[in-house]
């Protein structure tokens, strides 16, 4: 499984939890620093972030890919829309949360969210 990480580096413990939750071995981690200019349109900036991963069109559509999204919600929304266009489906994402009572703050993998499944389930709510 390929992880594309648009936020803080993943620790070995976080990567191990991801493997446990997905039942897949991580074969590659692409860490893409996500800095955007709020004075410029986001879509071209996000396209540049995705292009930095340097996967082929075939890889985007056939490889198991997990996304660790950026924390900035508007950028994440544009990112997911752009990834859906390249992949043909919504990717699964990692949800990271703070560990309770950790000093200094530490973060753990809370869950893997299958966005395509969320989308498919929501379709049944159309009237």
Protein backbone atom coordinates (compact mmCIF):
# COMPACT_ATOMS: atom_id res chain seq x y z
CA UNK A 1 0.00 0.00 0.00
CA UNK A 2 1.18 3.49 -0.84
CA UNK A 3 0.67 6.24 1.72
CA UNK A 4 0.60 9.80 0.48
CA UNK A 5 1.16 12.03 3.47
CA UNK A 6 0.26 15.71 3.21
CA UNK A 7 0.94 16.54 6.86
CA UNK A 8 3.41 15.76 9.66
CA UNK A 9 5.69 12.74 9.17
CA UNK A 10 4.20 9.44 10.29
CA UNK A 11 5.99 7.73 13.18
CA UNK A 12 6.91 4.04 13.04
CA UNK A 13 4.13 3.34 15.59
CA UNK A 14 1.58 5.17 13.44
CA UNK A 15 2.71 3.23 10.36
CA UNK A 16 2.43 -0.04 12.26
CA UNK A 17 -1.11 0.84 13.37
CA UNK A 18 -2.03 1.67 9.77
CA UNK A 19 -0.76 -1.74 8.64
CA UNK A 20 -2.74 -3.43 11.43
CA UNK A 21 -5.94 -1.54 10.58
CA UNK A 22 -5.71 -2.10 6.83
CA UNK A 23 -4.20 -5.58 6.83
CA UNK A 24 -1.75 -4.37 4.18
CA UNK A 25 1.98 -3.76 4.13
CA UNK A 26 3.16 -0.23 3.46
CA UNK A 27 5.32 -0.33 0.35
CA UNK A 28 6.00 3.40 0.00
CA UNK A 29 5.37 6.65 1.85
CA UNK A 30 5.37 9.91 -0.07
CA UNK A 31 5.55 12.89 2.26
CA UNK A 32 4.45 16.01 0.41
CA UNK A 33 4.83 19.26 2.38
CA UNK A 34 1.54 21.10 2.14
CA UNK A 35 2.12 24.83 2.16
CA UNK A 36 -0.35 26.92 0.21
CA UNK A 37 -0.60 30.60 -0.58
CA UNK A 38 -3.96 31.87 0.69
CA UNK A 39 -3.77 34.72 -1.83
CA UNK A 40 -3.76 32.35 -4.80
CA UNK A 41 -6.38 29.86 -6.06
CA UNK A 42 -6.11 26.48 -4.36
CA UNK A 43 -6.89 24.18 -7.32
CA UNK A 44 -3.60 24.77 -9.20
CA UNK A 45 -1.61 24.62 -5.96
CA UNK A 46 -3.22 21.30 -5.04
CA UNK A 47 -2.54 19.98 -8.55
CA UNK A 48 1.14 20.81 -7.97
CA UNK A 49 1.07 18.91 -4.65
CA UNK A 50 -0.43 15.86 -6.32
CA UNK A 51 2.00 16.05 -9.23
CA UNK A 52 4.87 16.03 -6.72
CA UNK A 53 3.93 12.44 -5.89
CA UNK A 54 5.01 11.48 -9.42
CA UNK A 55 2.79 8.40 -9.86
CA UNK A 56 1.67 7.32 -13.30
CA UNK A 57 -1.98 7.52 -14.35
CA UNK A 58 -2.09 3.72 -14.15
CA UNK A 59 -0.68 3.70 -10.61
CA UNK A 60 -3.27 6.26 -9.45
CA UNK A 61 -6.02 3.99 -10.73
CA UNK A 62 -4.69 0.55 -9.76
CA UNK A 63 -2.43 0.78 -6.69
CA UNK A 64 -3.79 0.65 -3.13
CA UNK A 65 -3.37 4.25 -1.97
CA UNK A 66 -4.09 5.73 1.46
CA UNK A 67 -4.11 9.49 2.03
CA UNK A 68 -3.06 11.32 5.18
CA UNK A 69 -4.78 14.63 4.38
CA UNK A 70 -3.61 18.12 5.31
CA UNK A 71 -5.19 19.72 8.36
CA UNK A 72 -6.51 22.74 6.45
CA UNK A 73 -10.08 21.79 5.48
CA UNK A 74 -10.42 23.88 2.28
CA UNK A 75 -7.19 22.38 0.90
CA UNK A 76 -8.35 18.89 1.86
CA UNK A 77 -11.67 19.41 0.06
CA UNK A 78 -9.91 20.45 -3.15
CA UNK A 79 -7.38 17.64 -2.74
CA UNK A 80 -10.09 14.97 -2.43
CA UNK A 81 -11.96 16.29 -5.46
CA UNK A 82 -8.76 16.26 -7.52
CA UNK A 83 -7.79 12.78 -6.33
CA UNK A 84 -11.25 11.46 -7.18
CA UNK A 85 -10.70 12.73 -10.71
CA UNK A 86 -7.36 10.94 -11.03
CA UNK A 87 -8.30 7.76 -9.20
CA UNK A 88 -11.93 7.33 -10.27
CA UNK A 89 -13.08 6.97 -6.65
CA UNK A 90 -12.64 8.64 -3.29
CA UNK A 91 -9.54 7.37 -1.48
CA UNK A 92 -9.39 6.08 2.05
CA UNK A 93 -7.90 8.52 4.54
CA UNK A 94 -6.07 8.32 7.86
CA UNK A 95 -7.58 10.08 10.87
CA UNK A 96 -5.00 11.12 13.43
CA UNK A 97 -5.97 12.22 16.94
CA UNK A 98 -4.10 13.50 19.99
CA UNK A 99 -3.31 10.89 22.61
CA UNK A 100 -5.07 11.75 25.83
CA UNK A 101 -2.92 13.08 28.67
CA UNK A 102 0.32 13.00 26.66
CA UNK A 103 2.95 15.59 27.51
CA UNK A 104 4.42 16.69 25.18
CA UNK A 105 1.51 16.21 22.78
CA UNK A 106 1.63 12.96 20.84
CA UNK A 107 -0.67 11.70 18.11
CA UNK A 108 -2.05 8.30 17.22
CA UNK A 109 -3.94 6.77 14.31
CA UNK A 110 -7.61 6.78 15.28
CA UNK A 111 -9.10 5.09 12.21
CA UNK A 112 -8.95 4.56 8.50
CA UNK A 113 -11.98 6.11 6.80
CA UNK A 114 -13.06 4.61 3.47
CA UNK A 115 -14.47 7.75 1.81
CA UNK A 116 -15.82 5.81 -1.18
CA UNK A 117 -17.85 3.67 1.20
CA UNK A 118 -19.12 6.79 2.98
CA UNK A 119 -20.12 8.24 -0.40
CA UNK A 120 -21.80 5.01 -1.53
CA UNK A 121 -23.76 4.71 1.72
CA UNK A 122 -24.86 8.34 1.48
CA UNK A 123 -26.34 7.66 -1.97
CA UNK A 124 -29.11 5.66 -0.27
CA UNK A 125 -30.21 8.88 1.47
CA UNK A 126 -31.22 10.56 -1.80
CA UNK A 127 -34.91 11.08 -2.24
